[in-house]
Protein backbone atom coordinates (compact mmCIF):
# COMPACT_ATOMS: atom_id res chain seq x y z
CA MET A 1 43.53 -51.57 -34.23
CA LEU A 2 46.33 -52.95 -32.79
CA ASN A 3 48.75 -52.85 -35.91
CA GLY A 4 48.15 -49.14 -35.62
CA LEU A 5 48.68 -48.37 -31.80
CA TRP A 6 51.85 -50.82 -32.08
CA LEU A 7 53.18 -49.44 -35.18
CA ALA A 8 52.19 -45.70 -34.24
CA PHE A 9 54.45 -46.47 -30.96
CA PHE A 10 57.71 -47.35 -33.33
CA LEU A 11 56.96 -44.54 -35.36
CA VAL A 12 56.27 -41.95 -33.04
CA ALA A 13 59.84 -42.65 -31.12
CA ALA A 14 61.77 -42.78 -34.44
CA VAL A 15 60.18 -39.26 -35.10
CA ALA A 16 60.87 -38.06 -31.55
CA GLY A 17 64.21 -39.65 -31.84
CA PHE A 18 65.31 -37.60 -34.91
CA GLY A 19 64.22 -34.87 -33.14
CA ARG A 20 66.49 -34.38 -30.49
CA TRP A 21 68.80 -35.28 -32.38
CA LEU A 22 68.29 -32.59 -35.39
CA VAL A 23 66.81 -29.88 -33.90
CA GLY A 24 68.62 -30.87 -29.83
CA GLY A 25 71.92 -32.01 -30.85
CA ASP A 26 71.46 -35.24 -28.74
CA ALA A 27 71.94 -38.55 -30.39
CA SER A 28 71.71 -40.78 -27.34
CA ALA A 29 67.66 -41.27 -28.17
CA PHE A 30 68.82 -44.04 -30.36
CA ALA A 31 71.57 -45.58 -28.25
CA ALA A 32 68.79 -45.32 -25.45
CA MET A 33 65.84 -46.61 -27.86
CA VAL A 34 67.91 -49.54 -28.59
CA GLU A 35 68.50 -50.37 -24.58
CA ALA A 36 64.98 -50.02 -24.08
CA LEU A 37 64.05 -53.15 -26.71
CA PHE A 38 66.89 -55.61 -25.22
CA ALA A 39 66.12 -54.48 -21.69
CA MET A 40 61.92 -54.83 -22.32
CA ALA A 41 63.04 -58.53 -24.03
CA LYS A 42 64.24 -59.65 -21.13
CA LEU A 43 61.14 -58.23 -18.43
CA SER A 44 59.05 -60.03 -20.35
CA VAL A 45 60.19 -62.98 -19.86
CA GLU A 46 61.02 -62.37 -16.00
CA VAL A 47 57.25 -61.41 -16.32
CA MET A 48 55.83 -64.62 -17.77
CA VAL A 49 57.48 -66.85 -15.84
CA LEU A 50 55.75 -65.61 -12.69
CA LEU A 51 52.45 -65.24 -15.10
CA PHE A 52 52.77 -69.06 -15.26
CA GLY A 53 52.53 -69.57 -12.62
CA THR A 54 49.77 -67.16 -11.38
CA LEU A 55 47.26 -68.74 -14.60
CA THR A 56 48.19 -71.95 -13.80
CA LEU A 57 47.09 -72.08 -10.11
CA TRP A 58 44.03 -69.83 -10.66
CA LEU A 59 42.84 -72.01 -13.47
CA GLY A 60 43.30 -75.09 -11.11
CA PHE A 61 41.98 -73.94 -8.49
CA LEU A 62 38.62 -72.44 -10.75
CA ARG A 63 38.08 -76.04 -11.73
CA ILE A 64 37.54 -77.43 -8.58
CA ALA A 65 35.04 -74.60 -8.18
CA GLU A 66 33.74 -75.51 -11.73
CA ARG A 67 33.24 -79.52 -10.91
CA ALA A 68 32.38 -78.81 -7.30
CA GLY A 69 29.21 -77.59 -9.17
CA LEU A 70 30.03 -73.96 -6.98
CA VAL A 71 29.75 -72.35 -10.66
CA ALA A 72 26.25 -73.38 -11.72
CA ALA A 73 24.45 -73.08 -7.53
CA LEU A 74 26.36 -69.33 -8.63
CA ALA A 75 24.36 -69.03 -12.29
CA ARG A 76 21.14 -71.05 -10.11
CA TRP A 77 20.89 -68.21 -8.12
CA LEU A 78 21.65 -65.51 -10.30
CA GLY A 79 18.52 -66.94 -12.56
CA PRO A 80 16.21 -64.60 -10.67
CA LEU A 81 18.93 -61.38 -11.48
CA PHE A 82 19.21 -62.26 -15.28
CA ALA A 83 15.58 -63.47 -15.93
CA ARG A 84 14.81 -59.33 -15.55
CA LEU A 85 18.24 -57.93 -17.18
CA MET A 86 17.92 -60.99 -20.62
CA PRO A 87 14.32 -61.02 -20.65
CA GLU A 88 14.72 -63.33 -24.18
CA VAL A 89 17.30 -65.82 -23.00
CA PRO A 90 15.51 -68.47 -20.85
CA ARG A 91 16.10 -69.74 -17.63
CA GLY A 92 17.99 -71.86 -17.54
CA HIS A 93 19.95 -71.21 -20.53
CA PRO A 94 23.61 -73.24 -20.69
CA ALA A 95 24.40 -68.75 -21.81
CA LEU A 96 23.57 -67.93 -18.63
CA GLY A 97 26.38 -70.60 -16.80
CA LEU A 98 28.58 -69.38 -19.04
CA ILE A 99 28.08 -65.86 -18.82
CA THR A 100 28.61 -66.67 -15.03
CA MET A 101 32.12 -68.35 -15.32
CA ASN A 102 32.84 -65.97 -16.86
CA PHE A 103 32.40 -63.05 -14.56
CA ALA A 104 33.78 -64.66 -11.94
CA ALA A 105 37.26 -65.00 -13.79
CA ASN A 106 36.61 -61.76 -14.19
CA ALA A 107 36.18 -61.33 -10.81
CA LEU A 108 39.83 -62.82 -9.72
CA GLY A 109 41.63 -60.82 -12.03
CA LEU A 110 42.07 -63.94 -14.50
CA ASP A 111 40.93 -61.80 -17.19
CA ASN A 112 42.89 -63.74 -19.94
CA ALA A 113 40.97 -67.21 -18.93
CA ALA A 114 37.58 -65.21 -19.61
CA THR A 115 38.36 -64.45 -22.89
CA PRO A 116 37.94 -68.41 -24.48
CA ILE A 117 34.73 -68.38 -21.36
CA GLY A 118 33.30 -65.25 -22.95
CA LEU A 119 33.45 -66.06 -26.25
CA LYS A 120 31.76 -69.73 -25.31
CA ALA A 121 29.04 -67.21 -23.86
CA MET A 122 28.71 -65.02 -27.04
CA ARG A 123 28.10 -68.27 -29.36
CA GLU A 124 25.40 -68.92 -26.63
CA LEU A 125 23.27 -65.85 -27.09
CA GLN A 126 24.06 -65.79 -30.41
CA THR A 127 21.54 -69.11 -31.20
CA LEU A 128 18.93 -66.50 -29.73
CA ASN A 129 19.28 -63.86 -32.08
CA PRO A 130 16.97 -63.50 -34.57
CA ARG A 131 19.39 -60.83 -36.28
CA PRO A 132 22.28 -62.63 -36.66
CA GLU A 133 24.66 -59.21 -38.53
CA GLU A 134 23.13 -57.36 -35.09
CA ALA A 135 23.79 -57.52 -31.08
CA THR A 136 21.01 -58.40 -29.37
CA ASN A 137 20.26 -56.73 -25.47
CA ALA A 138 21.72 -59.27 -24.06
CA GLN A 139 24.69 -59.67 -25.83
CA ILE A 140 25.20 -55.99 -25.06
CA LEU A 141 24.55 -56.10 -21.56
CA PHE A 142 26.92 -58.55 -21.44
CA LEU A 143 29.38 -57.08 -23.06
CA VAL A 144 29.22 -53.86 -21.02
CA LEU A 145 29.11 -55.82 -17.77
CA ASN A 146 32.54 -57.34 -19.12
CA THR A 147 34.13 -53.76 -20.04
CA GLY A 148 32.35 -52.78 -16.39
CA SER A 149 35.02 -54.97 -15.29
CA LEU A 150 33.61 -56.32 -11.75
CA THR A 151 37.02 -56.70 -9.76
CA LEU A 152 37.18 -58.46 -6.51
CA LEU A 153 40.30 -60.42 -6.75
CA PRO A 154 42.88 -58.63 -9.27
CA VAL A 155 45.11 -61.34 -8.65
CA SER A 156 46.93 -60.41 -11.49
CA ILE A 157 47.86 -57.36 -10.43
CA PHE A 158 48.92 -58.64 -7.19
CA MET A 159 51.29 -60.71 -9.65
CA TYR A 160 53.20 -58.13 -11.54
CA ARG A 161 53.39 -55.89 -8.14
CA ALA A 162 55.02 -59.01 -6.45
CA GLN A 163 57.40 -59.25 -9.44
CA GLN A 164 58.73 -55.69 -9.10
CA GLY A 165 59.58 -56.25 -6.13
CA ALA A 166 56.76 -54.75 -3.88
CA ALA A 167 56.87 -55.23 -0.35
CA ASP A 168 52.58 -55.52 -0.30
CA PRO A 169 51.53 -57.14 -3.82
CA THR A 170 47.76 -56.99 -2.41
CA LEU A 171 47.92 -53.11 -0.93
CA VAL A 172 45.56 -51.82 -3.68
CA PHE A 173 43.14 -54.18 -3.07
CA LEU A 174 40.90 -52.30 -1.21
CA PRO A 175 41.41 -49.06 -3.54
CA ILE A 176 40.04 -51.49 -6.92
CA LEU A 177 37.53 -53.06 -5.14
CA ILE A 178 35.89 -49.21 -4.63
CA ALA A 179 36.73 -48.37 -8.09
CA THR A 180 35.69 -51.12 -9.98
CA ALA A 181 32.44 -51.83 -8.33
CA VAL A 182 31.73 -47.52 -9.30
CA SER A 183 32.77 -48.69 -12.85
CA ALA A 184 30.02 -51.67 -13.22
CA LEU A 185 27.86 -50.14 -11.66
CA VAL A 186 27.45 -47.60 -13.98
CA ALA A 187 28.63 -50.19 -16.85
CA LEU A 188 25.42 -51.30 -15.53
CA LEU A 189 23.10 -48.43 -14.82
CA THR A 190 24.00 -47.14 -18.03
CA VAL A 191 22.89 -50.44 -20.08
CA ALA A 192 19.32 -50.48 -18.52
CA VAL A 193 18.63 -46.66 -19.44
CA VAL A 194 19.06 -46.84 -23.05
CA GLN A 195 16.90 -50.87 -22.86
CA ARG A 196 15.22 -49.63 -20.53
CA LEU A 197 15.26 -52.54 -18.89
CA ARG A 198 13.26 -53.13 -15.52
CA ILE A 199 15.21 -51.74 -13.15
CA TRP A 200 12.96 -51.16 -10.47
CA ASP A 201 11.50 -54.16 -10.24
CA PRO A 202 11.39 -55.78 -7.10
CA VAL A 203 14.04 -58.56 -7.51
CA VAL A 204 16.98 -56.46 -9.44
CA LEU A 205 16.05 -53.47 -6.23
CA ALA A 206 16.90 -57.14 -3.88
CA TRP A 207 20.13 -57.12 -5.76
CA LEU A 208 21.36 -53.73 -6.21
CA LEU A 209 20.24 -51.78 -3.20
CA PRO A 210 21.32 -54.18 -0.50
CA MET A 211 25.10 -54.09 -2.69
CA ALA A 212 24.39 -50.18 -2.61
CA ALA A 213 24.26 -49.86 0.73
CA ALA A 214 26.66 -52.04 1.72
CA LEU A 215 29.26 -50.19 -1.04
CA GLY A 216 27.63 -47.13 0.86
CA GLY A 217 28.51 -48.47 4.33
CA PHE A 218 32.33 -50.20 3.99
CA MET A 219 33.40 -46.49 2.77
CA LEU A 220 31.70 -44.60 5.37
CA LEU A 221 34.16 -46.60 7.21
CA LEU A 222 37.07 -46.39 5.22
CA GLY A 223 36.32 -42.37 6.08
CA THR A 224 37.17 -43.10 9.64
CA LEU A 225 40.41 -44.59 8.87
CA SER A 226 43.79 -42.24 8.78
CA ALA A 227 45.86 -43.54 5.53
CA ALA A 228 47.88 -45.57 8.16
CA ALA A 229 44.73 -47.49 8.87
CA LEU A 230 43.02 -47.77 5.19
CA ALA A 231 46.46 -49.57 4.02
CA ALA A 232 47.03 -52.21 6.79
CA LEU A 233 42.93 -52.88 6.40
CA SER A 234 43.51 -53.68 2.44
CA SER A 235 46.50 -56.14 2.80
CA LEU A 236 44.26 -57.61 5.66
CA LEU A 237 41.46 -58.11 3.58
CA GLY A 238 43.83 -58.99 -0.15
CA ASN A 239 45.64 -61.88 1.68
CA LEU A 240 42.18 -63.29 3.41
CA VAL A 241 39.91 -62.77 1.12
CA LEU A 242 43.14 -64.89 -1.61
CA PHE A 243 43.49 -67.68 0.97
CA GLY A 244 39.82 -67.28 2.33
CA ILE A 245 38.76 -68.13 -1.79
CA VAL A 246 41.44 -71.83 -2.16
CA VAL A 247 39.72 -73.34 0.74
CA ILE A 248 35.93 -73.10 -0.06
CA PHE A 249 37.00 -74.28 -2.93
CA LEU A 250 38.99 -77.03 -2.15
CA VAL A 251 36.22 -77.67 0.73
CA ALA A 252 33.37 -77.79 -1.69
CA GLY A 253 35.36 -80.18 -3.56
CA ALA A 254 35.96 -82.61 -0.85
CA VAL A 255 32.23 -82.60 0.44
CA ARG A 256 31.51 -82.94 -3.22
CA ARG A 257 33.68 -86.04 -3.65
CA VAL A 258 35.62 -83.99 -6.53
CA PRO A 259 39.59 -85.78 -7.00
CA VAL A 260 40.38 -82.48 -6.03
CA TYR A 261 43.49 -82.72 -7.45
CA GLU A 262 42.96 -84.72 -10.70
CA ALA A 263 40.79 -81.19 -11.14
CA PHE A 264 43.33 -78.66 -10.26
CA VAL A 265 45.66 -80.52 -12.76
CA GLU A 266 43.24 -80.63 -15.06
CA GLY A 267 42.36 -76.69 -15.13
CA ALA A 268 45.74 -75.58 -14.41
CA LYS A 269 47.02 -78.01 -17.69
CA GLU A 270 44.55 -74.78 -19.51
CA GLY A 271 46.07 -71.82 -17.43
CA PHE A 272 50.03 -73.33 -18.96
CA ASP A 273 47.73 -73.24 -22.73
CA VAL A 274 46.51 -69.61 -21.65
CA ALA A 275 49.96 -68.24 -20.24
CA LYS A 276 52.27 -69.64 -22.90
CA ASN A 277 50.21 -67.72 -25.71
CA LEU A 278 50.60 -64.64 -24.33
CA LEU A 279 54.24 -64.14 -24.21
CA PRO A 280 54.98 -62.85 -27.80
CA TYR A 281 52.15 -59.76 -27.06
CA LEU A 282 54.50 -58.42 -24.01
CA VAL A 283 57.22 -58.44 -25.71
CA ALA A 284 55.55 -56.62 -28.70
CA MET A 285 53.79 -54.18 -26.20
CA LEU A 286 56.71 -53.83 -23.22
CA CYS A 287 59.40 -53.00 -26.39
CA ALA A 288 57.16 -50.62 -27.96
CA ILE A 289 56.77 -49.00 -25.23
CA GLY A 290 59.93 -49.19 -23.52
CA VAL A 291 60.74 -47.19 -27.16
CA LEU A 292 58.80 -44.60 -26.65
CA ARG A 293 59.95 -43.65 -23.38
CA ALA A 294 63.34 -43.27 -24.52
CA SER A 295 63.40 -41.55 -26.85
CA GLY A 296 60.88 -38.86 -24.74
CA ALA A 297 57.89 -38.64 -26.74
CA LEU A 298 55.95 -40.02 -23.89
CA ASP A 299 57.30 -38.06 -21.16
CA ALA A 300 56.65 -34.87 -23.66
CA ALA A 301 53.15 -36.17 -24.01
CA LEU A 302 52.71 -36.37 -20.26
CA ASP A 303 54.71 -32.66 -19.42
CA GLY A 304 52.27 -31.07 -22.35
CA ILE A 305 49.34 -32.94 -19.74
CA ARG A 306 50.59 -32.40 -16.51
CA TRP A 307 51.22 -28.74 -17.45
CA LEU A 308 47.38 -28.62 -18.87
CA VAL A 309 46.47 -29.54 -15.14
CA GLY A 310 48.64 -27.68 -12.91
CA LEU A 311 46.80 -24.46 -15.15
CA THR A 312 43.74 -26.06 -13.59
CA GLY A 313 45.35 -25.65 -10.13
CA TRP A 314 44.88 -29.86 -9.48
CA ASP A 315 47.52 -32.09 -8.20
CA THR A 316 49.11 -33.34 -11.31
CA ARG A 317 50.48 -36.39 -9.69
CA PHE A 318 48.16 -38.64 -11.32
CA VAL A 319 49.30 -37.82 -14.95
CA ASP A 320 51.69 -40.70 -15.04
CA ALA A 321 49.72 -43.15 -14.97
CA LEU A 322 47.50 -41.84 -17.33
CA PRO A 323 48.44 -44.23 -20.35
CA THR A 324 47.38 -46.91 -18.28
CA GLY A 325 44.55 -45.52 -19.09
CA LEU A 326 44.64 -44.06 -22.67
CA VAL A 327 45.47 -47.16 -23.31
CA LYS A 328 43.40 -50.05 -21.94
CA PRO A 329 39.94 -49.48 -23.99
CA PHE A 330 42.57 -50.47 -26.91
CA SER A 331 45.20 -53.43 -25.85
CA GLY A 332 45.19 -55.61 -22.37
CA SER A 333 49.17 -56.47 -23.21
CA ALA A 334 49.91 -52.43 -24.09
CA ALA A 335 47.59 -51.71 -21.17
CA ARG A 336 49.85 -54.44 -18.61
CA ALA A 337 52.99 -53.46 -20.55
CA MET A 338 52.52 -49.50 -20.01
CA LEU A 339 51.58 -50.78 -15.81
CA ILE A 340 54.69 -52.31 -15.33
CA GLU A 341 56.48 -49.54 -16.58
CA THR A 342 55.74 -47.02 -14.64
CA MET A 343 56.36 -48.99 -12.12
CA LYS A 344 59.86 -49.49 -13.01
CA SER A 345 60.21 -45.96 -13.68
CA HIS A 346 58.58 -44.69 -11.10
CA GLY A 347 58.98 -47.69 -8.24
CA VAL A 348 56.38 -49.56 -7.82
CA ASP A 349 55.40 -48.24 -4.35
CA SER A 350 55.59 -44.70 -5.94
CA PHE A 351 51.56 -43.08 -6.16
CA PRO A 352 52.24 -43.47 -9.97
CA ALA A 353 52.44 -46.80 -9.95
CA LEU A 354 49.66 -47.85 -7.52
CA THR A 355 47.46 -45.47 -9.25
CA ALA A 356 48.11 -47.28 -12.23
CA ALA A 357 47.82 -50.15 -10.07
CA VAL A 358 44.13 -49.32 -9.70
CA ILE A 359 43.26 -47.85 -12.88
CA GLN A 360 44.87 -51.60 -14.56
CA GLY A 361 42.22 -52.92 -12.49
CA SER A 362 38.73 -50.92 -13.00
CA THR A 363 38.45 -50.69 -16.41
CA GLU A 364 38.76 -52.83 -19.71
CA THR A 365 39.96 -53.32 -22.94
CA THR A 366 36.72 -52.34 -25.11
CA PHE A 367 37.41 -52.21 -27.94
CA TYR A 368 39.88 -55.62 -27.91
CA VAL A 369 36.65 -57.17 -26.19
CA LEU A 370 34.43 -55.77 -28.51
CA ALA A 371 36.01 -56.96 -31.74
CA VAL A 372 36.55 -60.64 -30.62
CA TYR A 373 33.01 -61.16 -29.28
CA PHE A 374 31.17 -59.23 -31.41
CA GLY A 375 33.70 -60.75 -34.44
CA ALA A 376 33.44 -64.28 -32.89
CA VAL A 377 29.84 -64.51 -33.48
CA GLY A 378 29.67 -62.45 -37.36
CA ILE A 379 27.88 -59.13 -35.35
CA GLN A 380 28.42 -56.24 -37.34
CA ARG A 381 26.12 -53.42 -35.84
CA ALA A 382 27.26 -53.04 -31.95
CA ARG A 383 24.74 -50.75 -31.49
CA HIS A 384 24.41 -48.33 -28.19
CA ALA A 385 27.07 -51.03 -27.16
CA VAL A 386 30.00 -48.98 -27.60
CA GLY A 387 28.88 -45.92 -26.32
CA CYS A 388 28.22 -47.70 -22.96
CA ALA A 389 31.31 -49.00 -22.87
CA LEU A 390 33.46 -45.76 -23.07
CA PHE A 391 31.86 -44.09 -20.18
CA ALA A 392 31.80 -46.72 -17.90
CA ASP A 393 35.49 -46.91 -18.64
CA LEU A 394 35.82 -43.61 -18.49
CA VAL A 395 34.02 -43.59 -15.39
CA GLY A 396 36.21 -46.51 -13.77
CA VAL A 397 39.43 -44.16 -14.44
CA VAL A 398 37.95 -41.50 -12.41
CA ALA A 399 36.89 -43.28 -9.31
CA ALA A 400 40.13 -44.94 -9.90
CA ILE A 401 42.25 -41.35 -9.67
CA GLY A 402 39.85 -40.35 -6.92
CA VAL A 403 40.16 -43.44 -4.34
CA SER A 404 44.18 -43.73 -5.44
CA TYR A 405 43.93 -39.98 -3.96
CA TRP A 406 42.03 -41.34 -0.91
CA PHE A 407 44.71 -43.64 -0.30
CA PHE A 408 47.39 -42.87 -0.59
CA GLY A 409 48.31 -39.06 -1.68
């Protein structure tokens, strides 16, 4: 699928370039496309320098949390909830701890680090699968909750904004938190309806109702604030939560007599290994998108969407952020490249760039996750996984756009 998407970017760009030359008499598109290739290759390396540090840093802290027993404690805490949502998975099964670690990595915005953990979790769930070629309910719920993408701390997005010169990289913290909470809740409820889970079970309600009430109350509180106050609060909470988590991990490690420095270095090495494999994908996608933009094809497509939206009388500023949402279900690297390209083209703190950042933080690479996670264990029948995941993605994009108008409109 990624092969076809990547090839299509170049072929569409070529057709657009020849169209501008043969029909409009403008041959400058070819020079612009060649220049974009080299400019995006350079940008890829610049982004990777900071990405190396970010992944190395956060996987180091995550290893401290793991060795301090925080992840295992969270798995035990979530045990009663998982017993209702995944009744076929025995309590204390290794898959539950791995699922918890996967959700923790996603919550911290470390999507690339979450993938290897998620693959281990999927393999453990596969050991309980009576029909190895068909996804179980537990595997589908795990996958759809991944695509629901509950991101409490979007570190990678903060990093991209910092790399592009944002005065306050954490400005998008609250919008992403709200949009991703909506997306995750819809993902859970969608699967619960299809699988007829005991969503009204007292234990499940004891988890969901307080979370929903807290989110609703928080949104009501935010509704009383001005745009300037919202931006200030988002910045404060983003930085406070980020540093607070670091302190909690370190204190927990010290209390449990974990050699925090050695544990950090051990995890950081894993982060370095994860990061170094991303450069080829980032170069490939950024260059393809840069060529697409330089050819005029991307702008022409967005102009068409903008015209259609304008017919309805709606504001059209969100249209420039749509490329990130449109490619996110297919490829995380393509979506990251679209986000970075939007920041570079419109300005890192422009409305399209801010909206694209919120979309990036509240959606997931549905088809990629489906192919990798199910492919790793040989599952051929996904059953209702695709439909539930795509619906959660759609809700995530709509929520991201709505929240962006609320905060930045």
